[in-house]
Amino acid sequence: MPLLIRNILVFGKLQPYAMPPSTLGLGENSHDFIKAQLDTLFAANEFDKLLAEYPIGIALLTVFVGILLHQTITTWSKWNKIEQQTFL
């Protein structure tokens, strides 16, 4: 994703080079990025593939992150200063 944003800023388009059988695109790159992050977090290749490549997996990840974000926002004021700094 960062490289795609860079390509837009520098070249004015997502994919500045033409390669007819190319599979580089926003969808593929975002799935690969999510899978790489999940590989680091869970170290379970098949589980990561399930969550990163299928719409239901991405939906589950979105719901999970939303719940965590809501929980963090609602309890933030109760955290100690060191806990807030550690989280950030």
N, C-alpha and C. Protein backbone atom coordinates (compact mmCIF):
# COMPACT_ATOMS: atom_id res chain seq x y z
N MET A 1 0.81 -1.19 0.00
CA MET A 1 0.00 0.00 0.00
C MET A 1 0.87 1.27 0.00
N PRO A 2 1.91 1.34 0.84
CA PRO A 2 2.74 2.54 0.79
C PRO A 2 3.37 2.77 -0.59
N LEU A 3 3.77 1.70 -1.27
CA LEU A 3 4.35 1.87 -2.60
C LEU A 3 3.31 2.32 -3.61
N LEU A 4 2.07 1.86 -3.47
CA LEU A 4 1.02 2.31 -4.37
C LEU A 4 0.74 3.80 -4.18
N ILE A 5 0.73 4.25 -2.93
CA ILE A 5 0.54 5.67 -2.65
C ILE A 5 1.70 6.48 -3.23
N ARG A 6 2.91 5.96 -3.06
CA ARG A 6 4.09 6.62 -3.63
C ARG A 6 3.98 6.70 -5.15
N ASN A 7 3.53 5.62 -5.78
CA ASN A 7 3.38 5.64 -7.23
C ASN A 7 2.39 6.71 -7.68
N ILE A 8 1.30 6.88 -6.93
CA ILE A 8 0.33 7.91 -7.27
C ILE A 8 0.96 9.30 -7.14
N LEU A 9 1.71 9.51 -6.05
CA LEU A 9 2.32 10.82 -5.82
C LEU A 9 3.42 11.12 -6.85
N VAL A 10 4.23 10.13 -7.17
CA VAL A 10 5.37 10.36 -8.05
C VAL A 10 4.98 10.29 -9.53
N PHE A 11 4.22 9.24 -9.91
CA PHE A 11 3.94 9.00 -11.32
C PHE A 11 2.52 9.39 -11.75
N GLY A 12 1.64 9.58 -10.77
CA GLY A 12 0.27 9.95 -11.11
C GLY A 12 -0.65 8.77 -11.38
N LYS A 13 -0.17 7.54 -11.20
CA LYS A 13 -1.02 6.36 -11.37
C LYS A 13 -0.51 5.23 -10.47
N LEU A 14 -1.41 4.27 -10.21
CA LEU A 14 -1.05 3.17 -9.31
C LEU A 14 0.11 2.33 -9.83
N GLN A 15 0.05 2.00 -11.10
CA GLN A 15 1.03 1.11 -11.68
C GLN A 15 1.66 1.79 -12.89
N PRO A 16 2.81 2.45 -12.70
CA PRO A 16 3.41 3.24 -13.78
C PRO A 16 4.06 2.42 -14.89
N TYR A 17 4.27 1.16 -14.67
CA TYR A 17 4.91 0.32 -15.68
C TYR A 17 3.87 -0.64 -16.25
N ALA A 18 4.03 -0.96 -17.51
CA ALA A 18 3.06 -1.84 -18.18
C ALA A 18 3.63 -3.25 -18.30
N MET A 19 2.97 -4.20 -17.70
CA MET A 19 3.34 -5.60 -17.79
C MET A 19 2.04 -6.38 -17.95
N PRO A 20 1.70 -6.78 -19.16
CA PRO A 20 0.39 -7.38 -19.42
C PRO A 20 -0.04 -8.50 -18.46
N PRO A 21 0.81 -9.47 -18.14
CA PRO A 21 0.32 -10.51 -17.23
C PRO A 21 0.50 -10.14 -15.75
N SER A 22 0.71 -8.87 -15.47
CA SER A 22 1.01 -8.44 -14.10
C SER A 22 -0.17 -8.66 -13.16
N THR A 23 0.15 -9.01 -11.93
CA THR A 23 -0.88 -9.18 -10.91
C THR A 23 -0.71 -8.16 -9.80
N LEU A 24 0.12 -7.15 -10.04
CA LEU A 24 0.31 -6.12 -9.03
C LEU A 24 -0.85 -5.15 -9.06
N GLY A 25 -1.47 -4.99 -7.93
CA GLY A 25 -2.58 -4.07 -7.83
C GLY A 25 -2.95 -3.85 -6.38
N LEU A 26 -3.89 -2.98 -6.15
CA LEU A 26 -4.29 -2.66 -4.80
C LEU A 26 -4.81 -3.88 -4.05
N GLY A 27 -5.65 -4.67 -4.70
CA GLY A 27 -6.22 -5.85 -4.05
C GLY A 27 -5.16 -6.87 -3.64
N GLU A 28 -4.31 -7.22 -4.58
CA GLU A 28 -3.28 -8.22 -4.29
C GLU A 28 -2.30 -7.72 -3.24
N ASN A 29 -1.89 -6.46 -3.35
CA ASN A 29 -0.94 -5.92 -2.39
C ASN A 29 -1.54 -5.82 -1.00
N SER A 30 -2.80 -5.42 -0.90
CA SER A 30 -3.40 -5.32 0.43
C SER A 30 -3.56 -6.70 1.06
N HIS A 31 -3.93 -7.71 0.26
CA HIS A 31 -4.03 -9.07 0.80
C HIS A 31 -2.67 -9.58 1.25
N ASP A 32 -1.64 -9.32 0.45
CA ASP A 32 -0.29 -9.75 0.83
C ASP A 32 0.19 -9.04 2.09
N PHE A 33 -0.12 -7.75 2.21
CA PHE A 33 0.29 -7.00 3.40
C PHE A 33 -0.41 -7.55 4.64
N ILE A 34 -1.71 -7.79 4.56
CA ILE A 34 -2.45 -8.34 5.70
C ILE A 34 -1.89 -9.70 6.08
N LYS A 35 -1.63 -10.54 5.07
CA LYS A 35 -1.10 -11.88 5.35
C LYS A 35 0.27 -11.79 6.03
N ALA A 36 1.13 -10.89 5.57
CA ALA A 36 2.45 -10.74 6.18
C ALA A 36 2.34 -10.28 7.63
N GLN A 37 1.44 -9.37 7.91
CA GLN A 37 1.25 -8.91 9.29
C GLN A 37 0.72 -10.03 10.17
N LEU A 38 -0.21 -10.81 9.64
CA LEU A 38 -0.77 -11.93 10.41
C LEU A 38 0.25 -13.04 10.60
N ASP A 39 1.11 -13.26 9.61
CA ASP A 39 2.19 -14.24 9.76
C ASP A 39 3.09 -13.87 10.93
N THR A 40 3.38 -12.58 11.05
CA THR A 40 4.22 -12.10 12.15
C THR A 40 3.50 -12.25 13.49
N LEU A 41 2.21 -11.97 13.49
CA LEU A 41 1.44 -11.99 14.73
C LEU A 41 1.12 -13.41 15.20
N PHE A 42 0.62 -14.25 14.31
CA PHE A 42 0.15 -15.58 14.70
C PHE A 42 1.13 -16.71 14.41
N ALA A 43 1.96 -16.56 13.40
CA ALA A 43 2.89 -17.61 12.97
C ALA A 43 2.15 -18.90 12.61
N ALA A 44 0.98 -18.73 12.00
CA ALA A 44 0.18 -19.87 11.55
C ALA A 44 -0.22 -19.60 10.10
N ASN A 45 0.51 -20.17 9.17
CA ASN A 45 0.38 -19.84 7.76
C ASN A 45 -1.02 -20.07 7.20
N GLU A 46 -1.63 -21.19 7.49
CA GLU A 46 -2.95 -21.49 6.93
C GLU A 46 -4.03 -20.57 7.51
N PHE A 47 -3.94 -20.27 8.80
CA PHE A 47 -4.90 -19.37 9.43
C PHE A 47 -4.77 -17.97 8.85
N ASP A 48 -3.54 -17.53 8.64
CA ASP A 48 -3.30 -16.21 8.05
C ASP A 48 -3.86 -16.13 6.64
N LYS A 49 -3.67 -17.19 5.88
CA LYS A 49 -4.16 -17.24 4.51
C LYS A 49 -5.69 -17.16 4.50
N LEU A 50 -6.33 -17.86 5.42
CA LEU A 50 -7.79 -17.85 5.52
C LEU A 50 -8.30 -16.44 5.83
N LEU A 51 -7.65 -15.77 6.78
CA LEU A 51 -8.09 -14.43 7.16
C LEU A 51 -7.78 -13.37 6.11
N ALA A 52 -6.67 -13.51 5.40
CA ALA A 52 -6.22 -12.47 4.48
C ALA A 52 -6.82 -12.58 3.08
N GLU A 53 -7.16 -13.77 2.64
CA GLU A 53 -7.54 -13.94 1.23
C GLU A 53 -9.03 -14.04 0.98
N TYR A 54 -9.82 -14.34 1.99
CA TYR A 54 -11.25 -14.52 1.78
C TYR A 54 -12.03 -13.36 2.39
N PRO A 55 -13.09 -12.94 1.73
CA PRO A 55 -13.88 -11.80 2.24
C PRO A 55 -14.40 -12.01 3.66
N ILE A 56 -14.79 -13.21 4.01
CA ILE A 56 -15.29 -13.46 5.37
C ILE A 56 -14.17 -13.27 6.39
N GLY A 57 -12.95 -13.65 6.03
CA GLY A 57 -11.81 -13.46 6.92
C GLY A 57 -11.49 -11.99 7.12
N ILE A 58 -11.56 -11.22 6.03
CA ILE A 58 -11.30 -9.79 6.14
C ILE A 58 -12.42 -9.12 6.94
N ALA A 59 -13.65 -9.59 6.76
CA ALA A 59 -14.77 -9.05 7.55
C ALA A 59 -14.58 -9.35 9.03
N LEU A 60 -14.15 -10.56 9.35
CA LEU A 60 -13.90 -10.92 10.75
C LEU A 60 -12.78 -10.08 11.35
N LEU A 61 -11.72 -9.86 10.59
CA LEU A 61 -10.62 -9.01 11.06
C LEU A 61 -11.10 -7.58 11.30
N THR A 62 -11.93 -7.08 10.40
CA THR A 62 -12.46 -5.72 10.55
C THR A 62 -13.31 -5.59 11.79
N VAL A 63 -14.17 -6.59 12.03
CA VAL A 63 -15.01 -6.57 13.24
C VAL A 63 -14.14 -6.66 14.49
N PHE A 64 -13.15 -7.53 14.48
CA PHE A 64 -12.26 -7.70 15.63
C PHE A 64 -11.49 -6.41 15.94
N VAL A 65 -10.95 -5.78 14.91
CA VAL A 65 -10.22 -4.53 15.10
C VAL A 65 -11.17 -3.43 15.58
N GLY A 66 -12.39 -3.42 15.06
CA GLY A 66 -13.38 -2.45 15.51
C GLY A 66 -13.72 -2.62 16.98
N ILE A 67 -13.88 -3.85 17.42
CA ILE A 67 -14.16 -4.12 18.83
C ILE A 67 -12.99 -3.67 19.71
N LEU A 68 -11.79 -4.00 19.30
CA LEU A 68 -10.61 -3.58 20.06
C LEU A 68 -10.48 -2.06 20.12
N LEU A 69 -10.75 -1.41 19.01
CA LEU A 69 -10.68 0.04 18.97
C LEU A 69 -11.74 0.66 19.89
N HIS A 70 -12.95 0.14 19.84
CA HIS A 70 -14.01 0.64 20.70
C HIS A 70 -13.65 0.45 22.18
N GLN A 71 -13.14 -0.72 22.51
CA GLN A 71 -12.75 -1.01 23.89
C GLN A 71 -11.63 -0.07 24.35
N THR A 72 -10.68 0.18 23.49
CA THR A 72 -9.57 1.07 23.82
C THR A 72 -10.07 2.50 24.04
N ILE A 73 -10.92 2.97 23.14
CA ILE A 73 -11.43 4.34 23.25
C ILE A 73 -12.27 4.53 24.51
N THR A 74 -13.10 3.54 24.84
CA THR A 74 -13.98 3.69 26.00
C THR A 74 -13.24 3.56 27.33
N THR A 75 -12.11 2.88 27.36
CA THR A 75 -11.39 2.69 28.62
C THR A 75 -10.12 3.52 28.71
N TRP A 76 -9.81 4.32 27.69
CA TRP A 76 -8.56 5.07 27.63
C TRP A 76 -8.36 5.97 28.85
N SER A 77 -9.40 6.63 29.29
CA SER A 77 -9.26 7.58 30.41
C SER A 77 -8.97 6.87 31.73
N LYS A 78 -9.24 5.59 31.82
CA LYS A 78 -8.99 4.83 33.05
C LYS A 78 -7.57 4.26 33.10
N TRP A 79 -6.85 4.31 31.98
CA TRP A 79 -5.50 3.77 31.91
C TRP A 79 -4.53 4.73 32.60
N ASN A 80 -3.48 4.15 33.19
CA ASN A 80 -2.39 4.96 33.74
C ASN A 80 -1.61 5.58 32.59
N LYS A 81 -0.86 6.62 32.90
CA LYS A 81 -0.06 7.30 31.87
C LYS A 81 0.94 6.33 31.22
N ILE A 82 1.56 5.48 32.02
CA ILE A 82 2.54 4.54 31.48
C ILE A 82 1.87 3.50 30.58
N GLU A 83 0.64 3.11 30.92
CA GLU A 83 -0.09 2.16 30.07
C GLU A 83 -0.43 2.80 28.73
N GLN A 84 -0.84 4.07 28.75
CA GLN A 84 -1.14 4.77 27.51
C GLN A 84 0.11 4.91 26.65
N GLN A 85 1.24 5.25 27.26
CA GLN A 85 2.49 5.39 26.50
C GLN A 85 2.93 4.05 25.94
N THR A 86 2.77 2.99 26.71
CA THR A 86 3.14 1.66 26.23
C THR A 86 2.29 1.25 25.04
N PHE A 87 1.00 1.52 25.13
CA PHE A 87 0.10 1.19 24.04
C PHE A 87 0.48 1.92 22.76
N LEU A 88 0.75 3.21 22.90
CA LEU A 88 1.12 3.99 21.71
C LEU A 88 2.49 3.58 21.19
